[in-house]
Amino acid sequence: MEKNPKPTDIILHQQAHTLELVFDNGKRFNLSWEYLRTFSPSKEVRARFGKERILVLDKQDVVLEQMKPIGNYALKLYFSDGHNSGLYDWRFLYELGVNQEQYWQDHLDRVAKLPAR
């Protein structure tokens, strides 16, 4: 992974429900709001023990209502479900982009193993 990728463009697509990030190395990612909310870097989503993340469910209708830059290193995202903790720093957003397919498939696999709700 690049050492310190930084976004050159950050575009909120309201109709597509995605956040588009273009990095200074030419990489471009479209991250859905559901994906961003599901993989929040906040302490409440990260597991307390081990590497496994807390399984966040039912965020398919979440809206990214606002985003604020934090210095020159991160974004703070405000979601319609009230979640706004955790800073999405450039390195983390880049990691989410590069690993989007794998991370999302891992999430879907974990959801599939849940008992019927």
Protein backbone atom coordinates (compact mmCIF):
# COMPACT_ATOMS: atom_id res chain seq x y z
CA MET A 1 0.00 0.00 0.00
CA GLU A 2 1.13 3.54 -0.68
CA LYS A 3 2.78 5.18 2.30
CA ASN A 4 0.79 8.39 2.51
CA PRO A 5 -1.83 8.67 -0.21
CA LYS A 6 -3.78 11.90 -0.11
CA PRO A 7 -7.03 12.72 -1.88
CA THR A 8 -6.99 15.35 -4.59
CA ASP A 9 -10.78 15.23 -5.06
CA ILE A 10 -13.61 14.30 -2.70
CA ILE A 11 -17.04 14.24 -4.31
CA LEU A 12 -20.32 13.43 -2.56
CA HIS A 13 -22.77 11.82 -5.01
CA GLN A 14 -26.24 12.28 -3.52
CA GLN A 15 -28.15 10.25 -6.13
CA ALA A 16 -25.68 7.36 -6.22
CA HIS A 17 -25.24 7.39 -2.42
CA THR A 18 -21.47 7.24 -2.75
CA LEU A 19 -18.42 9.20 -1.75
CA GLU A 20 -15.91 9.40 -4.58
CA LEU A 21 -12.25 9.80 -3.66
CA VAL A 22 -9.45 10.49 -6.12
CA PHE A 23 -5.96 10.09 -4.68
CA ASP A 24 -2.71 11.73 -5.70
CA ASN A 25 -1.42 8.42 -7.09
CA GLY A 26 -4.31 8.24 -9.58
CA LYS A 27 -6.40 5.70 -7.66
CA ARG A 28 -10.13 6.44 -7.67
CA PHE A 29 -12.73 4.84 -5.40
CA ASN A 30 -16.50 5.11 -5.09
CA LEU A 31 -17.46 4.07 -1.58
CA SER A 32 -21.12 3.58 -0.77
CA TRP A 33 -22.53 5.30 2.28
CA GLU A 34 -23.57 1.90 3.63
CA TYR A 35 -19.99 0.63 3.26
CA LEU A 36 -18.53 3.71 4.95
CA ARG A 37 -20.99 3.44 7.86
CA THR A 38 -20.50 -0.33 8.20
CA PHE A 39 -16.72 0.04 8.35
CA SER A 40 -16.61 3.12 10.56
CA PRO A 41 -13.27 3.59 12.33
CA SER A 42 -15.05 4.50 15.59
CA LYS A 43 -14.32 2.65 18.81
CA GLU A 44 -17.93 1.45 19.01
CA VAL A 45 -17.49 -0.46 15.74
CA ARG A 46 -13.99 -1.81 16.34
CA ALA A 47 -13.97 -4.95 18.45
CA ARG A 48 -12.77 -4.64 22.02
CA PHE A 49 -10.82 -7.88 21.83
CA GLY A 50 -9.08 -9.39 18.82
CA LYS A 51 -9.13 -8.17 15.24
CA GLU A 52 -12.75 -8.91 14.37
CA ARG A 53 -14.93 -5.85 13.86
CA ILE A 54 -18.37 -5.47 15.40
CA LEU A 55 -20.90 -6.60 12.80
CA VAL A 56 -22.90 -3.52 11.78
CA LEU A 57 -26.25 -4.38 10.20
CA ASP A 58 -29.12 -2.70 8.36
CA LYS A 59 -27.33 0.41 7.11
CA GLN A 60 -28.50 0.10 3.49
CA ASP A 61 -30.73 3.19 3.88
CA VAL A 62 -28.27 5.34 5.83
CA VAL A 63 -27.64 8.81 4.42
CA LEU A 64 -24.33 10.63 4.59
CA GLU A 65 -25.75 13.98 5.67
CA GLN A 66 -22.57 15.97 6.16
CA MET A 67 -18.80 15.72 6.04
CA LYS A 68 -16.27 18.05 7.58
CA PRO A 69 -12.54 18.16 6.91
CA ILE A 70 -10.37 17.64 9.97
CA GLY A 71 -7.11 19.45 9.36
CA ASN A 72 -5.30 18.10 6.32
CA TYR A 73 -5.56 14.47 7.32
CA ALA A 74 -9.17 13.27 7.73
CA LEU A 75 -12.91 13.62 7.28
CA LYS A 76 -15.58 13.47 9.94
CA LEU A 77 -18.73 11.91 8.49
CA TYR A 78 -22.23 12.53 9.83
CA PHE A 79 -24.80 9.81 9.10
CA SER A 80 -28.59 9.91 9.31
CA ASP A 81 -28.65 7.26 12.04
CA GLY A 82 -26.86 9.70 14.36
CA HIS A 83 -23.44 8.09 13.98
CA ASN A 84 -20.63 10.65 13.73
CA SER A 85 -17.79 9.29 15.83
CA GLY A 86 -14.53 8.15 14.34
CA LEU A 87 -12.28 10.03 11.96
CA TYR A 88 -11.81 8.70 8.46
CA ASP A 89 -8.18 9.62 7.87
CA TRP A 90 -6.73 9.50 4.35
CA ARG A 91 -4.85 6.26 4.95
CA PHE A 92 -7.99 4.53 6.26
CA LEU A 93 -10.14 5.78 3.34
CA TYR A 94 -7.47 4.57 0.92
CA GLU A 95 -7.41 1.17 2.66
CA LEU A 96 -11.22 0.97 2.41
CA GLY A 97 -10.97 1.72 -1.30
CA VAL A 98 -8.18 -0.70 -2.13
CA ASN A 99 -9.80 -3.51 -0.14
CA GLN A 100 -13.44 -2.69 -0.85
CA GLU A 101 -14.32 -5.91 -2.68
CA GLN A 102 -12.66 -8.17 -0.09
CA TYR A 103 -13.95 -6.25 2.95
CA TRP A 104 -17.51 -6.16 1.61
CA GLN A 105 -17.49 -9.86 0.74
CA ASP A 106 -16.17 -10.69 4.21
CA HIS A 107 -19.00 -8.61 5.67
CA LEU A 108 -21.62 -10.39 3.53
CA ASP A 109 -20.18 -13.78 4.51
CA ARG A 110 -20.46 -12.89 8.20
CA VAL A 111 -24.05 -11.69 7.73
CA ALA A 112 -24.94 -14.93 5.90
CA LYS A 113 -23.79 -16.96 8.93
CA LEU A 114 -26.23 -15.19 11.26
CA PRO A 115 -29.36 -17.02 12.36
CA ALA A 116 -32.48 -15.93 10.47
CA ARG A 117 -33.74 -12.62 11.80
